[in-house]
Amino acid sequence: MTQIERRAKYRQEFLKLRTDPCLHSKESGYVFDEALQRWLSMKACQVEYFQATPRNAMKGALMIVLPMFVYGYILWKQRTNFLQDCRCGKIRYRDRMFKLC
């Protein structure tokens, strides 16, 4: 057996052992990931340990309520400008239906 054949054989053996999911736990058949388990446990108990603070309330207001108000203001401003243009005669009657979209 040449050195190249031997290296190829050892490489195949190494890759087989490295990617074997049952190597770490022969009796159960899956790999136990500690980090994933900690994250899942944290997500399950998150509500019990959450404490409301003014900073959390401000984050909620900025991330949820503020975008709704900004979007509503943009829609309101666009609609009032359209209606003002209709009243002033800047938009012809037949073009009004397509201008609104």
PDB file of N, CA and C in Angstrom:
ATOM      1  N   MET A   1       0.859  -1.177   0.000  1.00  0.00           N
ATOM      2  CA  MET A   1       0.000   0.000   0.000  1.00  0.00           C
ATOM      3  C   MET A   1       0.904   1.239   0.000  1.00  0.00           C
ATOM      4  N   THR A   2       0.616   2.130  -0.919  1.00  0.00           N
ATOM      5  CA  THR A   2       1.435   3.336  -1.014  1.00  0.00           C
ATOM      6  C   THR A   2       0.964   4.379  -0.019  1.00  0.00           C
ATOM      7  N   GLN A   3       1.764   5.391   0.076  1.00  0.00           N
ATOM      8  CA  GLN A   3       1.438   6.444   1.035  1.00  0.00           C
ATOM      9  C   GLN A   3       0.164   7.187   0.632  1.00  0.00           C
ATOM     10  N   ILE A   4      -0.041   7.379  -0.663  1.00  0.00           N
ATOM     11  CA  ILE A   4      -1.240   8.089  -1.142  1.00  0.00           C
ATOM     12  C   ILE A   4      -2.497   7.281  -0.816  1.00  0.00           C
ATOM     13  N   GLU A   5      -2.435   5.975  -1.032  1.00  0.00           N
ATOM     14  CA  GLU A   5      -3.594   5.139  -0.715  1.00  0.00           C
ATOM     15  C   GLU A   5      -3.882   5.132   0.778  1.00  0.00           C
ATOM     16  N   ARG A   6      -2.819   5.068   1.581  1.00  0.00           N
ATOM     17  CA  ARG A   6      -2.975   5.078   3.027  1.00  0.00           C
ATOM     18  C   ARG A   6      -3.582   6.390   3.513  1.00  0.00           C
ATOM     19  N   ARG A   7      -3.113   7.510   2.970  1.00  0.00           N
ATOM     20  CA  ARG A   7      -3.668   8.823   3.355  1.00  0.00           C
ATOM     21  C   ARG A   7      -5.147   8.922   2.965  1.00  0.00           C
ATOM     22  N   ALA A   8      -5.478   8.409   1.783  1.00  0.00           N
ATOM     23  CA  ALA A   8      -6.880   8.444   1.340  1.00  0.00           C
ATOM     24  C   ALA A   8      -7.756   7.609   2.262  1.00  0.00           C
ATOM     25  N   LYS A   9      -7.239   6.438   2.689  1.00  0.00           N
ATOM     26  CA  LYS A   9      -7.995   5.581   3.593  1.00  0.00           C
ATOM     27  C   LYS A   9      -8.207   6.256   4.956  1.00  0.00           C
ATOM     28  N   TYR A  10      -7.137   6.864   5.487  1.00  0.00           N
ATOM     29  CA  TYR A  10      -7.255   7.564   6.772  1.00  0.00           C
ATOM     30  C   TYR A  10      -8.169   8.785   6.665  1.00  0.00           C
ATOM     31  N   ARG A  11      -8.112   9.451   5.541  1.00  0.00           N
ATOM     32  CA  ARG A  11      -8.989  10.619   5.338  1.00  0.00           C
ATOM     33  C   ARG A  11     -10.453  10.188   5.327  1.00  0.00           C
ATOM     34  N   GLN A  12     -10.764   9.119   4.628  1.00  0.00           N
ATOM     35  CA  GLN A  12     -12.138   8.618   4.592  1.00  0.00           C
ATOM     36  C   GLN A  12     -12.598   8.206   5.990  1.00  0.00           C
ATOM     37  N   GLU A  13     -11.731   7.536   6.725  1.00  0.00           N
ATOM     38  CA  GLU A  13     -12.076   7.130   8.092  1.00  0.00           C
ATOM     39  C   GLU A  13     -12.317   8.342   8.992  1.00  0.00           C
ATOM     40  N   PHE A  14     -11.444   9.350   8.852  1.00  0.00           N
ATOM     41  CA  PHE A  14     -11.596  10.574   9.652  1.00  0.00           C
ATOM     42  C   PHE A  14     -12.907  11.281   9.336  1.00  0.00           C
ATOM     43  N   LEU A  15     -13.221  11.417   8.055  1.00  0.00           N
ATOM     44  CA  LEU A  15     -14.464  12.091   7.677  1.00  0.00           C
ATOM     45  C   LEU A  15     -15.686  11.299   8.132  1.00  0.00           C
ATOM     46  N   LYS A  16     -15.596   9.981   8.085  1.00  0.00           N
ATOM     47  CA  LYS A  16     -16.714   9.160   8.540  1.00  0.00           C
ATOM     48  C   LYS A  16     -16.940   9.338  10.043  1.00  0.00           C
ATOM     49  N   LEU A  17     -15.867   9.348  10.813  1.00  0.00           N
ATOM     50  CA  LEU A  17     -15.999   9.518  12.259  1.00  0.00           C
ATOM     51  C   LEU A  17     -16.406  10.946  12.625  1.00  0.00           C
ATOM     52  N   ARG A  18     -15.925  11.907  11.874  1.00  0.00           N
ATOM     53  CA  ARG A  18     -16.220  13.307  12.196  1.00  0.00           C
ATOM     54  C   ARG A  18     -17.670  13.660  11.942  1.00  0.00           C
ATOM     55  N   THR A  19     -18.269  13.070  10.929  1.00  0.00           N
ATOM     56  CA  THR A  19     -19.644  13.409  10.572  1.00  0.00           C
ATOM     57  C   THR A  19     -20.665  12.401  11.095  1.00  0.00           C
ATOM     58  N   ASP A  20     -20.255  11.493  11.940  1.00  0.00           N
ATOM     59  CA  ASP A  20     -21.169  10.494  12.489  1.00  0.00           C
ATOM     60  C   ASP A  20     -22.011  11.127  13.602  1.00  0.00           C
ATOM     61  N   PRO A  21     -23.341  11.246  13.421  1.00  0.00           N
ATOM     62  CA  PRO A  21     -24.165  11.879  14.461  1.00  0.00           C
ATOM     63  C   PRO A  21     -24.357  10.995  15.693  1.00  0.00           C
ATOM     64  N   CYS A  22     -24.154   9.698  15.560  1.00  0.00           N
ATOM     65  CA  CYS A  22     -24.390   8.798  16.684  1.00  0.00           C
ATOM     66  C   CYS A  22     -23.124   8.504  17.477  1.00  0.00           C
ATOM     67  N   LEU A  23     -22.016   9.123  17.116  1.00  0.00           N
ATOM     68  CA  LEU A  23     -20.761   8.822  17.777  1.00  0.00           C
ATOM     69  C   LEU A  23     -20.758   9.273  19.236  1.00  0.00           C
ATOM     70  N   HIS A  24     -21.352  10.425  19.529  1.00  0.00           N
ATOM     71  CA  HIS A  24     -21.295  10.990  20.870  1.00  0.00           C
ATOM     72  C   HIS A  24     -22.277  10.332  21.829  1.00  0.00           C
ATOM     73  N   SER A  25     -23.355   9.828  21.295  1.00  0.00           N
ATOM     74  CA  SER A  25     -24.365   9.217  22.163  1.00  0.00           C
ATOM     75  C   SER A  25     -24.902   7.965  21.477  1.00  0.00           C
ATOM     76  N   LYS A  26     -24.273   6.857  21.715  1.00  0.00           N
ATOM     77  CA  LYS A  26     -24.656   5.599  21.056  1.00  0.00           C
ATOM     78  C   LYS A  26     -26.050   5.129  21.479  1.00  0.00           C
ATOM     79  N   GLU A  27     -26.416   5.395  22.743  1.00  0.00           N
ATOM     80  CA  GLU A  27     -27.682   4.858  23.219  1.00  0.00           C
ATOM     81  C   GLU A  27     -28.890   5.657  22.733  1.00  0.00           C
ATOM     82  N   SER A  28     -28.742   6.957  22.492  1.00  0.00           N
ATOM     83  CA  SER A  28     -29.910   7.755  22.131  1.00  0.00           C
ATOM     84  C   SER A  28     -30.020   8.005  20.635  1.00  0.00           C
ATOM     85  N   GLY A  29     -28.937   8.110  19.922  1.00  0.00           N
ATOM     86  CA  GLY A  29     -29.008   8.251  18.481  1.00  0.00           C
ATOM     87  C   GLY A  29     -29.059   9.671  17.973  1.00  0.00           C
ATOM     88  N   TYR A  30     -28.796  10.678  18.795  1.00  0.00           N
ATOM     89  CA  TYR A  30     -28.752  12.059  18.325  1.00  0.00           C
ATOM     90  C   TYR A  30     -27.641  12.796  19.059  1.00  0.00           C
ATOM     91  N   VAL A  31     -27.235  13.902  18.483  1.00  0.00           N
ATOM     92  CA  VAL A  31     -26.182  14.709  19.083  1.00  0.00           C
ATOM     93  C   VAL A  31     -26.842  15.745  19.987  1.00  0.00           C
ATOM     94  N   PHE A  32     -26.425  15.791  21.236  1.00  0.00           N
ATOM     95  CA  PHE A  32     -26.967  16.763  22.181  1.00  0.00           C
ATOM     96  C   PHE A  32     -26.171  18.056  22.060  1.00  0.00           C
ATOM     97  N   ASP A  33     -26.841  19.119  21.672  1.00  0.00           N
ATOM     98  CA  ASP A  33     -26.188  20.414  21.517  1.00  0.00           C
ATOM     99  C   ASP A  33     -26.534  21.269  22.737  1.00  0.00           C
ATOM    100  N   GLU A  34     -25.535  21.568  23.558  1.00  0.00           N
ATOM    101  CA  GLU A  34     -25.771  22.311  24.793  1.00  0.00           C
ATOM    102  C   GLU A  34     -26.230  23.732  24.528  1.00  0.00           C
ATOM    103  N   ALA A  35     -25.640  24.387  23.552  1.00  0.00           N
ATOM    104  CA  ALA A  35     -26.004  25.778  23.260  1.00  0.00           C
ATOM    105  C   ALA A  35     -27.449  25.865  22.782  1.00  0.00           C
ATOM    106  N   LEU A  36     -27.864  24.953  21.932  1.00  0.00           N
ATOM    107  CA  LEU A  36     -29.244  24.957  21.451  1.00  0.00           C
ATOM    108  C   LEU A  36     -30.207  24.672  22.598  1.00  0.00           C
ATOM    109  N   GLN A  37     -29.852  23.765  23.477  1.00  0.00           N
ATOM    110  CA  GLN A  37     -30.713  23.458  24.621  1.00  0.00           C
ATOM    111  C   GLN A  37     -30.847  24.658  25.556  1.00  0.00           C
ATOM    112  N   ARG A  38     -29.754  25.372  25.798  1.00  0.00           N
ATOM    113  CA  ARG A  38     -29.829  26.575  26.640  1.00  0.00           C
ATOM    114  C   ARG A  38     -30.720  27.625  26.005  1.00  0.00           C
ATOM    115  N   TRP A  39     -30.594  27.793  24.681  1.00  0.00           N
ATOM    116  CA  TRP A  39     -31.406  28.803  23.994  1.00  0.00           C
ATOM    117  C   TRP A  39     -32.888  28.429  24.051  1.00  0.00           C
ATOM    118  N   LEU A  40     -33.211  27.164  23.822  1.00  0.00           N
ATOM    119  CA  LEU A  40     -34.606  26.726  23.883  1.00  0.00           C
ATOM    120  C   LEU A  40     -35.175  26.872  25.293  1.00  0.00           C
ATOM    121  N   SER A  41     -34.371  26.568  26.301  1.00  0.00           N
ATOM    122  CA  SER A  41     -34.825  26.731  27.682  1.00  0.00           C
ATOM    123  C   SER A  41     -35.052  28.197  28.009  1.00  0.00           C
ATOM    124  N   MET A  42     -34.170  29.047  27.526  1.00  0.00           N
ATOM    125  CA  MET A  42     -34.329  30.489  27.763  1.00  0.00           C
ATOM    126  C   MET A  42     -35.602  31.006  27.102  1.00  0.00           C
ATOM    127  N   LYS A  43     -35.892  30.564  25.866  1.00  0.00           N
ATOM    128  CA  LYS A  43     -37.098  31.018  25.182  1.00  0.00           C
ATOM    129  C   LYS A  43     -38.358  30.517  25.883  1.00  0.00           C
ATOM    130  N   ALA A  44     -38.301  29.330  26.480  1.00  0.00           N
ATOM    131  CA  ALA A  44     -39.471  28.771  27.164  1.00  0.00           C
ATOM    132  C   ALA A  44     -39.769  29.514  28.458  1.00  0.00           C
ATOM    133  N   CYS A  45     -38.733  30.000  29.148  1.00  0.00           N
ATOM    134  CA  CYS A  45     -38.904  30.667  30.445  1.00  0.00           C
ATOM    135  C   CYS A  45     -38.787  32.187  30.359  1.00  0.00           C
ATOM    136  N   GLN A  46     -38.756  32.718  29.166  1.00  0.00           N
ATOM    137  CA  GLN A  46     -38.506  34.150  28.999  1.00  0.00           C
ATOM    138  C   GLN A  46     -39.595  35.014  29.637  1.00  0.00           C
ATOM    139  N   VAL A  47     -40.846  34.607  29.519  1.00  0.00           N
ATOM    140  CA  VAL A  47     -41.951  35.408  30.037  1.00  0.00           C
ATOM    141  C   VAL A  47     -41.906  35.486  31.562  1.00  0.00           C
ATOM    142  N   GLU A  48     -41.473  34.425  32.197  1.00  0.00           N
ATOM    143  CA  GLU A  48     -41.453  34.396  33.659  1.00  0.00           C
ATOM    144  C   GLU A  48     -40.420  35.354  34.245  1.00  0.00           C
ATOM    145  N   TYR A  49     -39.335  35.581  33.535  1.00  0.00           N
ATOM    146  CA  TYR A  49     -38.248  36.407  34.062  1.00  0.00           C
ATOM    147  C   TYR A  49     -38.201  37.813  33.467  1.00  0.00           C
ATOM    148  N   PHE A  50     -39.128  38.137  32.564  1.00  0.00           N
ATOM    149  CA  PHE A  50     -39.131  39.463  31.946  1.00  0.00           C
ATOM    150  C   PHE A  50     -39.607  40.508  32.948  1.00  0.00           C
ATOM    151  N   GLN A  51     -38.880  41.626  33.036  1.00  0.00           N
ATOM    152  CA  GLN A  51     -39.280  42.727  33.888  1.00  0.00           C
ATOM    153  C   GLN A  51     -39.475  43.968  33.025  1.00  0.00           C
ATOM    154  N   ALA A  52     -40.652  44.555  33.129  1.00  0.00           N
ATOM    155  CA  ALA A  52     -40.933  45.756  32.351  1.00  0.00           C
ATOM    156  C   ALA A  52     -40.189  46.944  32.947  1.00  0.00           C
ATOM    157  N   THR A  53     -39.502  47.673  32.108  1.00  0.00           N
ATOM    158  CA  THR A  53     -38.765  48.863  32.523  1.00  0.00           C
ATOM    159  C   THR A  53     -39.135  50.002  31.578  1.00  0.00           C
ATOM    160  N   PRO A  54     -38.853  51.229  31.953  1.00  0.00           N
ATOM    161  CA  PRO A  54     -39.129  52.335  31.030  1.00  0.00           C
ATOM    162  C   PRO A  54     -38.377  52.195  29.706  1.00  0.00           C
ATOM    163  N   ARG A  55     -37.197  51.627  29.764  1.00  0.00           N
ATOM    164  CA  ARG A  55     -36.431  51.438  28.528  1.00  0.00           C
ATOM    165  C   ARG A  55     -37.132  50.442  27.600  1.00  0.00           C
ATOM    166  N   ASN A  56     -37.675  49.347  28.160  1.00  0.00           N
ATOM    167  CA  ASN A  56     -38.419  48.384  27.349  1.00  0.00           C
ATOM    168  C   ASN A  56     -39.667  49.023  26.761  1.00  0.00           C
ATOM    169  N   ALA A  57     -40.350  49.841  27.545  1.00  0.00           N
ATOM    170  CA  ALA A  57     -41.548  50.508  27.050  1.00  0.00           C
ATOM    171  C   ALA A  57     -41.195  51.475  25.919  1.00  0.00           C
ATOM    172  N   MET A  58     -40.088  52.182  26.044  1.00  0.00           N
ATOM    173  CA  MET A  58     -39.671  53.106  24.991  1.00  0.00           C
ATOM    174  C   MET A  58     -39.298  52.347  23.719  1.00  0.00           C
ATOM    175  N   LYS A  59     -38.622  51.222  23.864  1.00  0.00           N
ATOM    176  CA  LYS A  59     -38.283  50.410  22.692  1.00  0.00           C
ATOM    177  C   LYS A  59     -39.550  49.926  21.988  1.00  0.00           C
ATOM    178  N   GLY A  60     -40.522  49.475  22.769  1.00  0.00           N
ATOM    179  CA  GLY A  60     -41.773  49.025  22.179  1.00  0.00           C
ATOM    180  C   GLY A  60     -42.485  50.135  21.448  1.00  0.00           C
ATOM    181  N   ALA A  61     -42.489  51.320  22.040  1.00  0.00           N
ATOM    182  CA  ALA A  61     -43.150  52.452  21.396  1.00  0.00           C
ATOM    183  C   ALA A  61     -42.427  52.836  20.105  1.00  0.00           C
ATOM    184  N   LEU A  62     -41.120  52.830  20.128  1.00  0.00           N
ATOM    185  CA  LEU A  62     -40.367  53.229  18.944  1.00  0.00           C
ATOM    186  C   LEU A  62     -40.431  52.193  17.836  1.00  0.00           C
ATOM    187  N   MET A  63     -40.503  50.935  18.207  1.00  0.00           N
ATOM    188  CA  MET A  63     -40.476  49.887  17.196  1.00  0.00           C
ATOM    189  C   MET A  63     -41.854  49.481  16.689  1.00  0.00           C
ATOM    190  N   ILE A  64     -42.904  49.769  17.440  1.00  0.00           N
ATOM    191  CA  ILE A  64     -44.241  49.323  17.041  1.00  0.00           C
ATOM    192  C   ILE A  64     -45.159  50.506  16.741  1.00  0.00           C
ATOM    193  N   VAL A  65     -45.280  51.410  17.674  1.00  0.00           N
ATOM    194  CA  VAL A  65     -46.260  52.487  17.546  1.00  0.00           C
ATOM    195  C   VAL A  65     -45.784  53.573  16.592  1.00  0.00           C
ATOM    196  N   LEU A  66     -44.543  53.981  16.689  1.00  0.00           N
ATOM    197  CA  LEU A  66     -44.025  55.071  15.856  1.00  0.00           C
ATOM    198  C   LEU A  66     -44.107  54.770  14.354  1.00  0.00           C
ATOM    199  N   PRO A  67     -43.724  53.578  13.877  1.00  0.00           N
ATOM    200  CA  PRO A  67     -43.879  53.320  12.438  1.00  0.00           C
ATOM    201  C   PRO A  67     -45.324  53.378  11.964  1.00  0.00           C
ATOM    202  N   MET A  68     -46.270  52.971  12.825  1.00  0.00           N
ATOM    203  CA  MET A  68     -47.673  53.065  12.426  1.00  0.00           C
ATOM    204  C   MET A  68     -48.105  54.520  12.267  1.00  0.00           C
ATOM    205  N   PHE A  69     -47.681  55.377  13.194  1.00  0.00           N
ATOM    206  CA  PHE A  69     -48.026  56.788  13.081  1.00  0.00           C
ATOM    207  C   PHE A  69     -47.363  57.438  11.871  1.00  0.00           C
ATOM    208  N   VAL A  70     -46.129  57.093  11.606  1.00  0.00           N
ATOM    209  CA  VAL A  70     -45.433  57.659  10.446  1.00  0.00           C
ATOM    210  C   VAL A  70     -46.114  57.229   9.154  1.00  0.00           C
ATOM    211  N   TYR A  71     -46.451  55.953   9.043  1.00  0.00           N
ATOM    212  CA  TYR A  71     -47.127  55.458   7.848  1.00  0.00           C
ATOM    213  C   TYR A  71     -48.503  56.105   7.697  1.00  0.00           C
ATOM    214  N   GLY A  72     -49.239  56.250   8.793  1.00  0.00           N
ATOM    215  CA  GLY A  72     -50.534  56.913   8.739  1.00  0.00           C
ATOM    216  C   GLY A  72     -50.418  58.365   8.325  1.00  0.00           C
ATOM    217  N   TYR A  73     -49.392  59.055   8.815  1.00  0.00           N
ATOM    218  CA  TYR A  73     -49.190  60.449   8.427  1.00  0.00           C
ATOM    219  C   TYR A  73     -48.868  60.569   6.939  1.00  0.00           C
ATOM    220  N   ILE A  74     -48.046  59.659   6.442  1.00  0.00           N
ATOM    221  CA  ILE A  74     -47.721  59.701   5.006  1.00  0.00           C
ATOM    222  C   ILE A  74     -48.972  59.489   4.166  1.00  0.00           C
ATOM    223  N   LEU A  75     -49.803  58.516   4.555  1.00  0.00           N
ATOM    224  CA  LEU A  75     -51.051  58.283   3.815  1.00  0.00           C
ATOM    225  C   LEU A  75     -51.989  59.482   3.902  1.00  0.00           C
ATOM    226  N   TRP A  76     -52.107  60.055   5.092  1.00  0.00           N
ATOM    227  CA  TRP A  76     -52.987  61.219   5.272  1.00  0.00           C
ATOM    228  C   TRP A  76     -52.508  62.401   4.430  1.00  0.00           C
ATOM    229  N   LYS A  77     -51.199  62.648   4.437  1.00  0.00           N
ATOM    230  CA  LYS A  77     -50.644  63.769   3.676  1.00  0.00           C
ATOM    231  C   LYS A  77     -50.841  63.561   2.175  1.00  0.00           C
ATOM    232  N   GLN A  78     -50.625  62.351   1.693  1.00  0.00           N
ATOM    233  CA  GLN A  78     -50.820  62.062   0.276  1.00  0.00           C
ATOM    234  C   GLN A  78     -52.280  62.251  -0.121  1.00  0.00           C
ATOM    235  N   ARG A  79     -53.186  61.793   0.721  1.00  0.00           N
ATOM    236  CA  ARG A  79     -54.617  61.915   0.414  1.00  0.00           C
ATOM    237  C   ARG A  79     -55.070  63.378   0.437  1.00  0.00           C
ATOM    238  N   THR A  80     -54.618  64.138   1.429  1.00  0.00           N
ATOM    239  CA  THR A  80     -55.027  65.551   1.473  1.00  0.00           C
ATOM    240  C   THR A  80     -54.452  66.333   0.295  1.00  0.00           C
ATOM    241  N   ASN A  81     -53.229  66.035  -0.107  1.00  0.00           N
ATOM    242  CA  ASN A  81     -52.665  66.698  -1.290  1.00  0.00           C
ATOM    243  C   ASN A  81     -53.446  66.342  -2.548  1.00  0.00           C
ATOM    244  N   PHE A  82     -53.854  65.081  -2.661  1.00  0.00           N
ATOM    245  CA  PHE A  82     -54.644  64.664  -3.821  1.00  0.00           C
ATOM    246  C   PHE A  82     -55.990  65.374  -3.847  1.00  0.00           C
ATOM    247  N   LEU A  83     -56.649  65.425  -2.697  1.00  0.00           N
ATOM    248  CA  LEU A  83     -57.955  66.100  -2.652  1.00  0.00           C
ATOM    249  C   LEU A  83     -57.818  67.603  -2.914  1.00  0.00           C
ATOM    250  N   GLN A  84     -56.754  68.212  -2.426  1.00  0.00           N
ATOM    251  CA  GLN A  84     -56.528  69.635  -2.683  1.00  0.00           C
ATOM    252  C   GLN A  84     -56.297  69.884  -4.173  1.00  0.00           C
ATOM    253  N   ASP A  85     -55.532  69.003  -4.806  1.00  0.00           N
ATOM    254  CA  ASP A  85     -55.306  69.140  -6.245  1.00  0.00           C
ATOM    255  C   ASP A  85     -56.599  68.940  -7.029  1.00  0.00           C
ATOM    256  N   CYS A  86     -57.463  68.035  -6.550  1.00  0.00           N
ATOM    257  CA  CYS A  86     -58.753  67.838  -7.210  1.00  0.00           C
ATOM    258  C   CYS A  86     -59.626  69.083  -7.071  1.00  0.00           C
ATOM    259  N   ARG A  87     -59.646  69.678  -5.891  1.00  0.00           N
ATOM    260  CA  ARG A  87     -60.452  70.871  -5.672  1.00  0.00           C
ATOM    261  C   ARG A  87     -59.961  72.067  -6.482  1.00  0.00           C
ATOM    262  N   CYS A  88     -58.662  72.192  -6.640  1.00  0.00           N
ATOM    263  CA  CYS A  88     -58.096  73.328  -7.364  1.00  0.00           C
ATOM    264  C   CYS A  88     -58.155  73.144  -8.872  1.00  0.00           C
ATOM    265  N   GLY A  89     -58.436  71.939  -9.347  1.00  0.00           N
ATOM    266  CA  GLY A  89     -58.514  71.695 -10.771  1.00  0.00           C
ATOM    267  C   GLY A  89     -57.184  71.328 -11.406  1.00  0.00           C
ATOM    268  N   LYS A  90     -56.205  70.970 -10.633  1.00  0.00           N
ATOM    269  CA  LYS A  90     -54.913  70.573 -11.194  1.00  0.00           C
ATOM    270  C   LYS A  90     -54.980  69.194 -11.854  1.00  0.00           C
ATOM    271  N   ILE A  91     -55.919  68.364 -11.391  1.00  0.00           N
ATOM    272  CA  ILE A  91     -56.086  67.025 -11.955  1.00  0.00           C
ATOM    273  C   ILE A  91     -57.439  66.959 -12.646  1.00  0.00           C
ATOM    274  N   ARG A  92     -57.433  66.551 -13.899  1.00  0.00           N
ATOM    275  CA  ARG A  92     -58.694  66.459 -14.635  1.00  0.00           C
ATOM    276  C   ARG A  92     -59.540  65.317 -14.079  1.00  0.00           C
ATOM    277  N   TYR A  93     -60.843  65.417 -14.307  1.00  0.00           N
ATOM    278  CA  TYR A  93     -61.765  64.450 -13.729  1.00  0.00           C
ATOM    279  C   TYR A  93     -61.486  63.030 -14.220  1.00  0.00           C
ATOM    280  N   ARG A  94     -61.192  62.878 -15.500  1.00  0.00           N
ATOM    281  CA  ARG A  94     -60.967  61.533 -16.041  1.00  0.00           C
ATOM    282  C   ARG A  94     -59.636  60.929 -15.588  1.00  0.00           C
ATOM    283  N   ASP A  95     -58.703  61.764 -15.123  1.00  0.00           N
ATOM    284  CA  ASP A  95     -57.408  61.264 -14.658  1.00  0.00           C
ATOM    285  C   ASP A  95     -57.390  60.978 -13.149  1.00  0.00           C
ATOM    286  N   ARG A  96     -58.442  61.330 -12.445  1.00  0.00           N
ATOM    287  CA  ARG A  96     -58.435  61.188 -10.991  1.00  0.00           C
ATOM    288  C   ARG A  96     -58.397  59.749 -10.530  1.00  0.00           C
ATOM    289  N   MET A  97     -59.042  58.865 -11.248  1.00  0.00           N
ATOM    290  CA  MET A  97     -59.083  57.466 -10.828  1.00  0.00           C
ATOM    291  C   MET A  97     -57.694  56.828 -10.914  1.00  0.00           C
ATOM    292  N   PHE A  98     -56.921  57.182 -11.901  1.00  0.00           N
ATOM    293  CA  PHE A  98     -55.594  56.592 -12.071  1.00  0.00           C
ATOM    294  C   PHE A  98     -54.519  57.327 -11.287  1.00  0.00           C
ATOM    295  N   LYS A  99     -54.781  58.563 -10.915  1.00  0.00           N
ATOM    296  CA  LYS A  99     -53.813  59.347 -10.162  1.00  0.00           C
ATOM    297  C   LYS A  99     -53.733  58.889  -8.708  1.00  0.00           C
ATOM    298  N   LEU A 100     -54.841  58.393  -8.173  1.00  0.00           N
ATOM    299  CA  LEU A 100     -54.895  57.995  -6.774  1.00  0.00           C
ATOM    300  C   LEU A 100     -54.031  56.759  -6.495  1.00  0.00           C
ATOM    301  N   CYS A 101     -53.874  55.868  -7.435  1.00  0.00           N
ATOM    302  CA  CYS A 101     -53.118  54.627  -7.235  1.00  0.00           C
ATOM    303  C   CYS A 101     -51.663  54.817  -7.116  1.00  0.00           C
TER     304      CYS A 101
END
